[in-house]
Amino acid sequence: MAYRSVTDLPPFTLCVAWPQDSRAPAVAAFVRAATEVAGSPVATDAPAQSGG
């Protein structure tokens, strides 16, 4: 995973969603990496919502 800091944009909110019953190690690793890069804690108390 790679990212580039952009200093001239306003702050943002990172949203990462995955199926509530997912136990895939790759999904867990991606969520951890994305939140570490963003400097955000993982919120696991809210269930995923399906769009439609």
Protein backbone atom coordinates (compact mmCIF):
# COMPACT_ATOMS: atom_id res chain seq x y z
CA MET A 1 0.00 0.00 0.00
CA ALA A 2 1.25 3.44 -0.82
CA TYR A 3 -0.02 6.93 -0.19
CA ARG A 4 1.01 10.48 -0.76
CA SER A 5 0.39 13.27 1.70
CA VAL A 6 -1.50 16.24 0.28
CA THR A 7 -1.11 19.31 2.46
CA ASP A 8 -3.39 21.75 0.63
CA LEU A 9 -6.66 19.84 1.08
CA PRO A 10 -9.08 20.04 4.00
CA PRO A 11 -9.25 17.15 6.53
CA PHE A 12 -11.30 14.11 5.53
CA THR A 13 -13.05 11.17 7.11
CA LEU A 14 -11.83 7.70 6.20
CA CYS A 15 -14.56 5.10 5.76
CA VAL A 16 -13.75 1.44 5.30
CA ALA A 17 -16.59 -1.08 5.16
CA TRP A 18 -16.63 -4.85 4.92
CA PRO A 19 -19.21 -7.60 5.44
CA GLN A 20 -19.98 -8.09 9.13
CA ASP A 21 -19.40 -11.85 8.91
CA SER A 22 -16.12 -11.58 6.98
CA ARG A 23 -13.25 -13.49 8.59
CA ALA A 24 -10.83 -13.23 5.66
CA PRO A 25 -7.29 -12.47 6.85
CA ALA A 26 -6.67 -10.30 3.77
CA VAL A 27 -9.67 -8.09 4.61
CA ALA A 28 -8.54 -7.72 8.22
CA ALA A 29 -5.01 -6.85 7.09
CA PHE A 30 -6.32 -4.24 4.63
CA VAL A 31 -8.52 -2.60 7.27
CA ARG A 32 -5.62 -2.46 9.74
CA ALA A 33 -3.25 -1.04 7.11
CA ALA A 34 -5.74 1.57 5.88
CA THR A 35 -6.52 2.82 9.37
CA GLU A 36 -2.84 2.87 10.37
CA VAL A 37 -1.95 4.91 7.29
CA ALA A 38 -4.81 7.30 7.99
CA GLY A 39 -3.98 7.47 11.70
CA SER A 40 -7.53 6.50 12.66
CA PRO A 41 -8.75 3.93 15.15
CA VAL A 42 -10.82 1.03 13.84
CA ALA A 43 -14.49 1.38 14.82
CA THR A 44 -15.92 -2.10 15.08
CA ASP A 45 -19.12 -1.30 16.95
CA ALA A 46 -21.13 -0.20 13.91
CA PRO A 47 -22.45 -2.94 11.59
CA ALA A 48 -21.82 -2.61 7.88
CA GLN A 49 -24.72 -1.30 5.86
CA SER A 50 -25.44 -2.50 2.37
CA GLY A 51 -26.05 0.14 -0.25
CA GLY A 52 -28.88 0.03 -2.67
